[in-house]
Full PDB file with SEQRES, HELIX, SHEET, SSBOND, CRYST1, ORIGX, SCALE, CONECT and MASTER records, all heavy atoms in Angstrom:
SEQRES   1 A   39  PRO LYS VAL LYS ILE GLU VAL VAL ILE ALA GLU ASP MET          
SEQRES   2 A   39  LEU GLU ARG ALA VAL ASP ALA ILE VAL LYS ALA ALA ARG          
SEQRES   3 A   39  THR GLY LYS ILE GLY ASP GLY LYS ILE PHE VAL THR SER          
HELIX    1 AA1 GLU A   11  MET A   13  5                                   3    
HELIX    2 AA2 LEU A   14  ALA A   25  1                                  12    
CRYST1    1.000    1.000    1.000  90.00  90.00  90.00 P 1           1          
ORIGX1      1.000000  0.000000  0.000000        0.00000                         
ORIGX2      0.000000  1.000000  0.000000        0.00000                         
ORIGX3      0.000000  0.000000  1.000000        0.00000                         
SCALE1      1.000000  0.000000  0.000000        0.00000                         
SCALE2      0.000000  1.000000  0.000000        0.00000                         
SCALE3      0.000000  0.000000  1.000000        0.00000                         
ATOM      1  N   PRO A   1       1.565 -17.562  -0.281  1.00  0.00           N  
ATOM      2  CA  PRO A   1       0.267 -16.882  -0.360  1.00  0.00           C  
ATOM      3  C   PRO A   1       0.376 -15.414   0.062  1.00  0.00           C  
ATOM      4  O   PRO A   1       1.037 -15.089   1.040  1.00  0.00           O  
ATOM      5  CB  PRO A   1      -0.609 -17.671   0.611  1.00  0.00           C  
ATOM      6  CG  PRO A   1       0.338 -18.339   1.537  1.00  0.00           C  
ATOM      7  CD  PRO A   1       1.608 -18.563   0.775  1.00  0.00           C  
ATOM      8  N   LYS A   2      -0.245 -14.558  -0.708  1.00  0.00           N  
ATOM      9  CA  LYS A   2      -0.306 -13.119  -0.425  1.00  0.00           C  
ATOM     10  C   LYS A   2      -1.705 -12.639  -0.783  1.00  0.00           C  
ATOM     11  O   LYS A   2      -2.491 -13.373  -1.370  1.00  0.00           O  
ATOM     12  CB  LYS A   2       0.702 -12.344  -1.297  1.00  0.00           C  
ATOM     13  CG  LYS A   2       2.145 -12.780  -1.186  1.00  0.00           C  
ATOM     14  CD  LYS A   2       2.768 -12.312   0.087  1.00  0.00           C  
ATOM     15  CE  LYS A   2       4.240 -12.733   0.116  1.00  0.00           C  
ATOM     16  NZ  LYS A   2       4.899 -12.353   1.326  1.00  0.00           N  
ATOM     17  N   VAL A   3      -2.022 -11.416  -0.425  1.00  0.00           N  
ATOM     18  CA  VAL A   3      -3.241 -10.778  -0.911  1.00  0.00           C  
ATOM     19  C   VAL A   3      -2.843  -9.524  -1.670  1.00  0.00           C  
ATOM     20  O   VAL A   3      -1.830  -8.888  -1.374  1.00  0.00           O  
ATOM     21  CB  VAL A   3      -4.254 -10.419   0.208  1.00  0.00           C  
ATOM     22  CG1 VAL A   3      -4.820 -11.656   0.850  1.00  0.00           C  
ATOM     23  CG2 VAL A   3      -3.643  -9.512   1.228  1.00  0.00           C  
ATOM     24  N   LYS A   4      -3.657  -9.197  -2.668  1.00  0.00           N  
ATOM     25  CA  LYS A   4      -3.438  -7.972  -3.438  1.00  0.00           C  
ATOM     26  C   LYS A   4      -4.696  -7.137  -3.324  1.00  0.00           C  
ATOM     27  O   LYS A   4      -5.799  -7.636  -3.558  1.00  0.00           O  
ATOM     28  CB  LYS A   4      -3.157  -8.285  -4.904  1.00  0.00           C  
ATOM     29  CG  LYS A   4      -2.982  -7.024  -5.747  1.00  0.00           C  
ATOM     30  CD  LYS A   4      -2.469  -7.321  -7.134  1.00  0.00           C  
ATOM     31  CE  LYS A   4      -3.571  -7.690  -8.071  1.00  0.00           C  
ATOM     32  NZ  LYS A   4      -3.139  -7.729  -9.481  1.00  0.00           N  
ATOM     33  N   ILE A   5      -4.521  -5.886  -2.934  1.00  0.00           N  
ATOM     34  CA  ILE A   5      -5.655  -4.970  -2.939  1.00  0.00           C  
ATOM     35  C   ILE A   5      -5.430  -3.958  -4.045  1.00  0.00           C  
ATOM     36  O   ILE A   5      -4.297  -3.598  -4.356  1.00  0.00           O  
ATOM     37  CB  ILE A   5      -5.876  -4.259  -1.586  1.00  0.00           C  
ATOM     38  CG1 ILE A   5      -4.684  -3.378  -1.221  1.00  0.00           C  
ATOM     39  CG2 ILE A   5      -6.202  -5.253  -0.490  1.00  0.00           C  
ATOM     40  CD1 ILE A   5      -4.983  -2.391  -0.122  1.00  0.00           C  
ATOM     41  N   GLU A   6      -6.524  -3.525  -4.638  1.00  0.00           N  
ATOM     42  CA  GLU A   6      -6.495  -2.495  -5.658  1.00  0.00           C  
ATOM     43  C   GLU A   6      -7.499  -1.430  -5.260  1.00  0.00           C  
ATOM     44  O   GLU A   6      -8.633  -1.745  -4.910  1.00  0.00           O  
ATOM     45  CB  GLU A   6      -6.864  -3.073  -7.019  1.00  0.00           C  
ATOM     46  CG  GLU A   6      -5.895  -4.136  -7.499  1.00  0.00           C  
ATOM     47  CD  GLU A   6      -6.375  -4.823  -8.762  1.00  0.00           C  
ATOM     48  OE1 GLU A   6      -6.214  -4.235  -9.848  1.00  0.00           O  
ATOM     49  OE2 GLU A   6      -6.921  -5.923  -8.646  1.00  0.00           O  
ATOM     50  N   VAL A   7      -7.068  -0.186  -5.314  1.00  0.00           N  
ATOM     51  CA  VAL A   7      -7.945   0.924  -4.963  1.00  0.00           C  
ATOM     52  C   VAL A   7      -7.610   2.108  -5.861  1.00  0.00           C  
ATOM     53  O   VAL A   7      -6.444   2.385  -6.124  1.00  0.00           O  
ATOM     54  CB  VAL A   7      -7.839   1.279  -3.457  1.00  0.00           C  
ATOM     55  CG1 VAL A   7      -6.435   1.681  -3.083  1.00  0.00           C  
ATOM     56  CG2 VAL A   7      -8.815   2.356  -3.063  1.00  0.00           C  
ATOM     57  N   VAL A   8      -8.640   2.782  -6.362  1.00  0.00           N  
ATOM     58  CA  VAL A   8      -8.461   3.983  -7.177  1.00  0.00           C  
ATOM     59  C   VAL A   8      -8.906   5.166  -6.328  1.00  0.00           C  
ATOM     60  O   VAL A   8     -10.008   5.163  -5.777  1.00  0.00           O  
ATOM     61  CB  VAL A   8      -9.264   3.900  -8.488  1.00  0.00           C  
ATOM     62  CG1 VAL A   8      -9.148   5.203  -9.272  1.00  0.00           C  
ATOM     63  CG2 VAL A   8      -8.792   2.730  -9.323  1.00  0.00           C  
ATOM     64  N   ILE A   9      -8.031   6.159  -6.235  1.00  0.00           N  
ATOM     65  CA  ILE A   9      -8.299   7.303  -5.369  1.00  0.00           C  
ATOM     66  C   ILE A   9      -7.924   8.605  -6.074  1.00  0.00           C  
ATOM     67  O   ILE A   9      -7.221   8.603  -7.079  1.00  0.00           O  
ATOM     68  CB  ILE A   9      -7.515   7.204  -4.038  1.00  0.00           C  
ATOM     69  CG1 ILE A   9      -6.024   7.093  -4.325  1.00  0.00           C  
ATOM     70  CG2 ILE A   9      -8.003   6.049  -3.203  1.00  0.00           C  
ATOM     71  CD1 ILE A   9      -5.168   7.218  -3.094  1.00  0.00           C  
ATOM     72  N   ALA A  10      -8.390   9.699  -5.512  1.00  0.00           N  
ATOM     73  CA  ALA A  10      -8.000  11.022  -6.008  1.00  0.00           C  
ATOM     74  C   ALA A  10      -6.539  11.270  -5.636  1.00  0.00           C  
ATOM     75  O   ALA A  10      -6.053  10.764  -4.620  1.00  0.00           O  
ATOM     76  CB  ALA A  10      -8.887  12.094  -5.379  1.00  0.00           C  
ATOM     77  N   GLU A  11      -5.847  12.041  -6.462  1.00  0.00           N  
ATOM     78  CA  GLU A  11      -4.411  12.269  -6.247  1.00  0.00           C  
ATOM     79  C   GLU A  11      -4.113  12.911  -4.898  1.00  0.00           C  
ATOM     80  O   GLU A  11      -3.075  12.638  -4.306  1.00  0.00           O  
ATOM     81  CB  GLU A  11      -3.829  13.121  -7.374  1.00  0.00           C  
ATOM     82  CG  GLU A  11      -3.652  12.324  -8.642  1.00  0.00           C  
ATOM     83  CD  GLU A  11      -2.785  13.025  -9.673  1.00  0.00           C  
ATOM     84  OE1 GLU A  11      -1.720  13.551  -9.293  1.00  0.00           O  
ATOM     85  OE2 GLU A  11      -3.188  13.031 -10.839  1.00  0.00           O  
ATOM     86  N   ASP A  12      -5.008  13.748  -4.393  1.00  0.00           N  
ATOM     87  CA  ASP A  12      -4.735  14.411  -3.118  1.00  0.00           C  
ATOM     88  C   ASP A  12      -4.775  13.450  -1.929  1.00  0.00           C  
ATOM     89  O   ASP A  12      -4.314  13.794  -0.846  1.00  0.00           O  
ATOM     90  CB  ASP A  12      -5.695  15.593  -2.896  1.00  0.00           C  
ATOM     91  CG  ASP A  12      -7.158  15.172  -2.839  1.00  0.00           C  
ATOM     92  OD1 ASP A  12      -7.497  14.086  -3.327  1.00  0.00           O  
ATOM     93  OD2 ASP A  12      -7.963  15.960  -2.313  1.00  0.00           O  
ATOM     94  N   MET A  13      -5.308  12.250  -2.121  1.00  0.00           N  
ATOM     95  CA  MET A  13      -5.341  11.247  -1.050  1.00  0.00           C  
ATOM     96  C   MET A  13      -4.203  10.237  -1.149  1.00  0.00           C  
ATOM     97  O   MET A  13      -4.040   9.392  -0.265  1.00  0.00           O  
ATOM     98  CB  MET A  13      -6.662  10.471  -1.089  1.00  0.00           C  
ATOM     99  CG  MET A  13      -7.865  11.257  -0.670  1.00  0.00           C  
ATOM    100  SD  MET A  13      -9.327  10.205  -0.592  1.00  0.00           S  
ATOM    101  CE  MET A  13      -8.906   9.102   0.747  1.00  0.00           C  
ATOM    102  N   LEU A  14      -3.417  10.315  -2.206  1.00  0.00           N  
ATOM    103  CA  LEU A  14      -2.412   9.288  -2.483  1.00  0.00           C  
ATOM    104  C   LEU A  14      -1.433   9.087  -1.335  1.00  0.00           C  
ATOM    105  O   LEU A  14      -1.247   7.965  -0.863  1.00  0.00           O  
ATOM    106  CB  LEU A  14      -1.651   9.619  -3.770  1.00  0.00           C  
ATOM    107  CG  LEU A  14      -0.541   8.630  -4.143  1.00  0.00           C  
ATOM    108  CD1 LEU A  14      -1.121   7.256  -4.409  1.00  0.00           C  
ATOM    109  CD2 LEU A  14       0.223   9.133  -5.343  1.00  0.00           C  
ATOM    110  N   GLU A  15      -0.818  10.148  -0.877  1.00  0.00           N  
ATOM    111  CA  GLU A  15       0.201  10.013   0.165  1.00  0.00           C  
ATOM    112  C   GLU A  15      -0.369   9.424   1.450  1.00  0.00           C  
ATOM    113  O   GLU A  15       0.234   8.537   2.060  1.00  0.00           O  
ATOM    114  CB  GLU A  15       0.844  11.375   0.445  1.00  0.00           C  
ATOM    115  CG  GLU A  15       2.109  11.268   1.251  1.00  0.00           C  
ATOM    116  CD  GLU A  15       2.839  12.591   1.366  1.00  0.00           C  
ATOM    117  OE1 GLU A  15       2.852  13.359   0.381  1.00  0.00           O  
ATOM    118  OE2 GLU A  15       3.404  12.847   2.443  1.00  0.00           O  
ATOM    119  N   ARG A  16      -1.555   9.881   1.849  1.00  0.00           N  
ATOM    120  CA  ARG A  16      -2.181   9.348   3.070  1.00  0.00           C  
ATOM    121  C   ARG A  16      -2.515   7.877   2.918  1.00  0.00           C  
ATOM    122  O   ARG A  16      -2.348   7.089   3.852  1.00  0.00           O  
ATOM    123  CB  ARG A  16      -3.442  10.136   3.418  1.00  0.00           C  
ATOM    124  CG  ARG A  16      -3.146  11.527   3.949  1.00  0.00           C  
ATOM    125  CD  ARG A  16      -4.390  12.240   4.391  1.00  0.00           C  
ATOM    126  NE  ARG A  16      -5.225  12.502   3.214  1.00  0.00           N  
ATOM    127  CZ  ARG A  16      -6.541  12.626   3.239  1.00  0.00           C  
ATOM    128  NH1 ARG A  16      -7.191  12.528   4.367  1.00  0.00           N  
ATOM    129  NH2 ARG A  16      -7.204  12.868   2.138  1.00  0.00           N  
ATOM    130  N   ALA A  17      -2.998   7.473   1.723  1.00  0.00           N  
ATOM    131  CA  ALA A  17      -3.363   6.079   1.499  1.00  0.00           C  
ATOM    132  C   ALA A  17      -2.129   5.182   1.512  1.00  0.00           C  
ATOM    133  O   ALA A  17      -2.142   4.108   2.145  1.00  0.00           O  
ATOM    134  CB  ALA A  17      -4.109   5.936   0.177  1.00  0.00           C  
ATOM    135  N   VAL A  18      -1.074   5.600   0.857  1.00  0.00           N  
ATOM    136  CA  VAL A  18       0.158   4.804   0.842  1.00  0.00           C  
ATOM    137  C   VAL A  18       0.722   4.684   2.251  1.00  0.00           C  
ATOM    138  O   VAL A  18       1.118   3.594   2.683  1.00  0.00           O  
ATOM    139  CB  VAL A  18       1.194   5.408  -0.139  1.00  0.00           C  
ATOM    140  CG1 VAL A  18       2.552   4.749   0.038  1.00  0.00           C  
ATOM    141  CG2 VAL A  18       0.717   5.246  -1.577  1.00  0.00           C  
ATOM    142  N   ASP A  19       0.748   5.783   2.997  1.00  0.00           N  
ATOM    143  CA  ASP A  19       1.234   5.730   4.383  1.00  0.00           C  
ATOM    144  C   ASP A  19       0.396   4.788   5.235  1.00  0.00           C  
ATOM    145  O   ASP A  19       0.940   4.027   6.045  1.00  0.00           O  
ATOM    146  CB  ASP A  19       1.232   7.129   5.010  1.00  0.00           C  
ATOM    147  CG  ASP A  19       2.333   8.032   4.461  1.00  0.00           C  
ATOM    148  OD1 ASP A  19       3.263   7.513   3.814  1.00  0.00           O  
ATOM    149  OD2 ASP A  19       2.234   9.263   4.672  1.00  0.00           O  
ATOM    150  N   ALA A  20      -0.913   4.824   5.060  1.00  0.00           N  
ATOM    151  CA  ALA A  20      -1.800   3.950   5.830  1.00  0.00           C  
ATOM    152  C   ALA A  20      -1.520   2.478   5.513  1.00  0.00           C  
ATOM    153  O   ALA A  20      -1.465   1.643   6.427  1.00  0.00           O  
ATOM    154  CB  ALA A  20      -3.263   4.286   5.536  1.00  0.00           C  
ATOM    155  N   ILE A  21      -1.324   2.163   4.248  1.00  0.00           N  
ATOM    156  CA  ILE A  21      -1.042   0.774   3.860  1.00  0.00           C  
ATOM    157  C   ILE A  21       0.298   0.325   4.434  1.00  0.00           C  
ATOM    158  O   ILE A  21       0.407  -0.769   5.007  1.00  0.00           O  
ATOM    159  CB  ILE A  21      -1.057   0.613   2.324  1.00  0.00           C  
ATOM    160  CG1 ILE A  21      -2.467   0.844   1.778  1.00  0.00           C  
ATOM    161  CG2 ILE A  21      -0.554  -0.774   1.920  1.00  0.00           C  
ATOM    162  CD1 ILE A  21      -2.534   0.987   0.267  1.00  0.00           C  
ATOM    163  N   VAL A  22       1.316   1.161   4.306  1.00  0.00           N  
ATOM    164  CA  VAL A  22       2.645   0.801   4.805  1.00  0.00           C  
ATOM    165  C   VAL A  22       2.604   0.543   6.307  1.00  0.00           C  
ATOM    166  O   VAL A  22       3.114  -0.471   6.790  1.00  0.00           O  
ATOM    167  CB  VAL A  22       3.680   1.896   4.463  1.00  0.00           C  
ATOM    168  CG1 VAL A  22       4.983   1.675   5.209  1.00  0.00           C  
ATOM    169  CG2 VAL A  22       3.942   1.928   2.973  1.00  0.00           C  
ATOM    170  N   LYS A  23       1.987   1.438   7.047  1.00  0.00           N  
ATOM    171  CA  LYS A  23       1.937   1.280   8.504  1.00  0.00           C  
ATOM    172  C   LYS A  23       1.160   0.040   8.913  1.00  0.00           C  
ATOM    173  O   LYS A  23       1.534  -0.669   9.846  1.00  0.00           O  
ATOM    174  CB  LYS A  23       1.329   2.522   9.151  1.00  0.00           C  
ATOM    175  CG  LYS A  23       2.262   3.704   9.137  1.00  0.00           C  
ATOM    176  CD  LYS A  23       1.605   4.940   9.712  1.00  0.00           C  
ATOM    177  CE  LYS A  23       2.535   6.137   9.556  1.00  0.00           C  
ATOM    178  NZ  LYS A  23       1.860   7.404   9.805  1.00  0.00           N  
ATOM    179  N   ALA A  24       0.057  -0.251   8.220  1.00  0.00           N  
ATOM    180  CA  ALA A  24      -0.786  -1.385   8.595  1.00  0.00           C  
ATOM    181  C   ALA A  24      -0.200  -2.722   8.147  1.00  0.00           C  
ATOM    182  O   ALA A  24      -0.382  -3.733   8.822  1.00  0.00           O  
ATOM    183  CB  ALA A  24      -2.184  -1.211   8.007  1.00  0.00           C  
ATOM    184  N   ALA A  25       0.511  -2.752   7.029  1.00  0.00           N  
ATOM    185  CA  ALA A  25       1.000  -4.021   6.480  1.00  0.00           C  
ATOM    186  C   ALA A  25       2.398  -4.402   6.955  1.00  0.00           C  
ATOM    187  O   ALA A  25       2.801  -5.551   6.824  1.00  0.00           O  
ATOM    188  CB  ALA A  25       0.981  -3.961   4.950  1.00  0.00           C  
ATOM    189  N   ARG A  26       3.123  -3.470   7.508  1.00  0.00           N  
ATOM    190  CA  ARG A  26       4.526  -3.731   7.890  1.00  0.00           C  
ATOM    191  C   ARG A  26       4.637  -4.644   9.102  1.00  0.00           C  
ATOM    192  O   ARG A  26       3.987  -4.426  10.110  1.00  0.00           O  
ATOM    193  CB  ARG A  26       5.238  -2.418   8.175  1.00  0.00           C  
ATOM    194  CG  ARG A  26       6.687  -2.608   8.641  1.00  0.00           C  
ATOM    195  CD  ARG A  26       7.382  -1.310   8.903  1.00  0.00           C  
ATOM    196  NE  ARG A  26       7.696  -0.700   7.610  1.00  0.00           N  
ATOM    197  CZ  ARG A  26       7.786   0.607   7.422  1.00  0.00           C  
ATOM    198  NH1 ARG A  26       7.547   1.438   8.414  1.00  0.00           N  
ATOM    199  NH2 ARG A  26       8.100   1.074   6.237  1.00  0.00           N  
ATOM    200  N   THR A  27       5.466  -5.674   8.970  1.00  0.00           N  
ATOM    201  CA  THR A  27       5.834  -6.521  10.114  1.00  0.00           C  
ATOM    202  C   THR A  27       7.302  -6.333  10.450  1.00  0.00           C  
ATOM    203  O   THR A  27       7.741  -6.720  11.523  1.00  0.00           O  
ATOM    204  CB  THR A  27       5.590  -8.016   9.825  1.00  0.00           C  
ATOM    205  OG1 THR A  27       6.492  -8.455   8.803  1.00  0.00           O  
ATOM    206  CG2 THR A  27       4.161  -8.291   9.431  1.00  0.00           C  
ATOM    207  N   GLY A  28       8.073  -5.794   9.501  1.00  0.00           N  
ATOM    208  CA  GLY A  28       9.503  -5.626   9.704  1.00  0.00           C  
ATOM    209  C   GLY A  28      10.313  -6.830   9.267  1.00  0.00           C  
ATOM    210  O   GLY A  28      11.525  -6.858   9.394  1.00  0.00           O  
ATOM    211  N   LYS A  29       9.632  -7.837   8.729  1.00  0.00           N  
ATOM    212  CA  LYS A  29      10.309  -9.057   8.288  1.00  0.00           C  
ATOM    213  C   LYS A  29      10.258  -9.157   6.775  1.00  0.00           C  
ATOM    214  O   LYS A  29       9.422  -8.532   6.122  1.00  0.00           O  
ATOM    215  CB  LYS A  29       9.654 -10.280   8.916  1.00  0.00           C  
ATOM    216  CG  LYS A  29       9.767 -10.296  10.421  1.00  0.00           C  
ATOM    217  CD  LYS A  29       9.202 -11.547  11.008  1.00  0.00           C  
ATOM    218  CE  LYS A  29       9.441 -11.508  12.511  1.00  0.00           C  
ATOM    219  NZ  LYS A  29       8.325 -11.997  13.264  1.00  0.00           N  
ATOM    220  N   ILE A  30      11.122  -9.977   6.225  1.00  0.00           N  
ATOM    221  CA  ILE A  30      11.167 -10.175   4.783  1.00  0.00           C  
ATOM    222  C   ILE A  30       9.811 -10.701   4.306  1.00  0.00           C  
ATOM    223  O   ILE A  30       9.149 -11.467   5.007  1.00  0.00           O  
ATOM    224  CB  ILE A  30      12.323 -11.127   4.398  1.00  0.00           C  
ATOM    225  CG1 ILE A  30      12.601 -11.058   2.915  1.00  0.00           C  
ATOM    226  CG2 ILE A  30      12.067 -12.528   4.879  1.00  0.00           C  
ATOM    227  CD1 ILE A  30      13.914 -11.677   2.502  1.00  0.00           C  
ATOM    228  N   GLY A  31       9.384 -10.250   3.142  1.00  0.00           N  
ATOM    229  CA  GLY A  31       8.106 -10.694   2.595  1.00  0.00           C  
ATOM    230  C   GLY A  31       6.931  -9.805   2.933  1.00  0.00           C  
ATOM    231  O   GLY A  31       5.781 -10.179   2.713  1.00  0.00           O  
ATOM    232  N   ASP A  32       7.194  -8.611   3.468  1.00  0.00           N  
ATOM    233  CA  ASP A  32       6.098  -7.690   3.815  1.00  0.00           C  
ATOM    234  C   ASP A  32       5.312  -7.235   2.599  1.00  0.00           C  
ATOM    235  O   ASP A  32       4.146  -6.916   2.710  1.00  0.00           O  
ATOM    236  CB  ASP A  32       6.624  -6.466   4.562  1.00  0.00           C  
ATOM    237  CG  ASP A  32       6.725  -6.701   6.065  1.00  0.00           C  
ATOM    238  OD1 ASP A  32       6.268  -7.745   6.543  1.00  0.00           O  
ATOM    239  OD2 ASP A  32       7.257  -5.813   6.743  1.00  0.00           O  
ATOM    240  N   GLY A  33       5.943  -7.200   1.420  1.00  0.00           N  
ATOM    241  CA  GLY A  33       5.195  -6.899   0.205  1.00  0.00           C  
ATOM    242  C   GLY A  33       5.667  -5.666  -0.522  1.00  0.00           C  
ATOM    243  O   GLY A  33       6.722  -5.103  -0.230  1.00  0.00           O  
ATOM    244  N   LYS A  34       4.839  -5.240  -1.477  1.00  0.00           N  
ATOM    245  CA  LYS A  34       5.157  -4.103  -2.334  1.00  0.00           C  
ATOM    246  C   LYS A  34       3.899  -3.289  -2.596  1.00  0.00           C  
ATOM    247  O   LYS A  34       2.785  -3.800  -2.534  1.00  0.00           O  
ATOM    248  CB  LYS A  34       5.680  -4.574  -3.691  1.00  0.00           C  
ATOM    249  CG  LYS A  34       7.005  -5.298  -3.670  1.00  0.00           C  
ATOM    250  CD  LYS A  34       8.068  -4.413  -4.230  1.00  0.00           C  
ATOM    251  CE  LYS A  34       9.446  -5.022  -4.357  1.00  0.00           C  
ATOM    252  NZ  LYS A  34       9.782  -6.236  -3.793  1.00  0.00           N  
ATOM    253  N   ILE A  35       4.110  -2.017  -2.950  1.00  0.00           N  
ATOM    254  CA  ILE A  35       3.017  -1.134  -3.361  1.00  0.00           C  
ATOM    255  C   ILE A  35       3.396  -0.556  -4.722  1.00  0.00           C  
ATOM    256  O   ILE A  35       4.517  -0.080  -4.908  1.00  0.00           O  
ATOM    257  CB  ILE A  35       2.799   0.007  -2.350  1.00  0.00           C  
ATOM    258  CG1 ILE A  35       2.393  -0.558  -0.989  1.00  0.00           C  
ATOM    259  CG2 ILE A  35       1.748   0.988  -2.873  1.00  0.00           C  
ATOM    260  CD1 ILE A  35       2.307   0.482   0.110  1.00  0.00           C  
ATOM    261  N   PHE A  36       2.450  -0.618  -5.656  1.00  0.00           N  
ATOM    262  CA  PHE A  36       2.636  -0.054  -6.987  1.00  0.00           C  
ATOM    263  C   PHE A  36       1.594   1.042  -7.192  1.00  0.00           C  
ATOM    264  O   PHE A  36       0.418   0.832  -6.902  1.00  0.00           O  
ATOM    265  CB  PHE A  36       2.465  -1.123  -8.071  1.00  0.00           C  
ATOM    266  CG  PHE A  36       3.377  -2.306  -7.877  1.00  0.00           C  
ATOM    267  CD1 PHE A  36       2.919  -3.452  -7.241  1.00  0.00           C  
ATOM    268  CD2 PHE A  36       4.685  -2.279  -8.338  1.00  0.00           C  
ATOM    269  CE1 PHE A  36       3.754  -4.541  -7.063  1.00  0.00           C  
ATOM    270  CE2 PHE A  36       5.524  -3.364  -8.168  1.00  0.00           C  
ATOM    271  CZ  PHE A  36       5.061  -4.505  -7.527  1.00  0.00           C  
ATOM    272  N   VAL A  37       2.020   2.189  -7.703  1.00  0.00           N  
ATOM    273  CA  VAL A  37       1.113   3.309  -7.950  1.00  0.00           C  
ATOM    274  C   VAL A  37       1.167   3.637  -9.432  1.00  0.00           C  
ATOM    275  O   VAL A  37       2.245   3.831  -9.995  1.00  0.00           O  
ATOM    276  CB  VAL A  37       1.503   4.547  -7.119  1.00  0.00           C  
ATOM    277  CG1 VAL A  37       0.570   5.705  -7.428  1.00  0.00           C  
ATOM    278  CG2 VAL A  37       1.506   4.223  -5.636  1.00  0.00           C  
ATOM    279  N   THR A  38      -0.011   3.677 -10.070  1.00  0.00           N  
ATOM    280  CA  THR A  38      -0.093   4.017 -11.487  1.00  0.00           C  
ATOM    281  C   THR A  38      -1.170   5.076 -11.697  1.00  0.00           C  
ATOM    282  O   THR A  38      -2.053   5.259 -10.861  1.00  0.00           O  
ATOM    283  CB  THR A  38      -0.427   2.779 -12.351  1.00  0.00           C  
ATOM    284  OG1 THR A  38      -1.627   2.172 -11.851  1.00  0.00           O  
ATOM    285  CG2 THR A  38       0.686   1.753 -12.317  1.00  0.00           C  
ATOM    286  N   SER A  39      -1.098   5.752 -12.822  1.00  0.00           N  
ATOM    287  CA  SER A  39      -2.100   6.757 -13.160  1.00  0.00           C  
ATOM    288  C   SER A  39      -3.319   6.105 -13.795  1.00  0.00           C  
ATOM    289  O   SER A  39      -3.202   5.115 -14.512  1.00  0.00           O  
ATOM    290  CB  SER A  39      -1.518   7.771 -14.146  1.00  0.00           C  
ATOM    291  OG  SER A  39      -0.515   8.516 -13.523  1.00  0.00           O  
TER     292      SER A  39                                                      
MASTER        0    0    0    2    0    0    0    6  291    1    0    3          
END                                                                             
């Protein structure tokens, strides 16, 4: 079981949003997940 979030943001917020997700979702163990960015 996993959860998937989808969010559409302005390009100038992209780096901050990705960093926020990585920091909040990371446990340091296998299975932490993936982030996909598309236009």
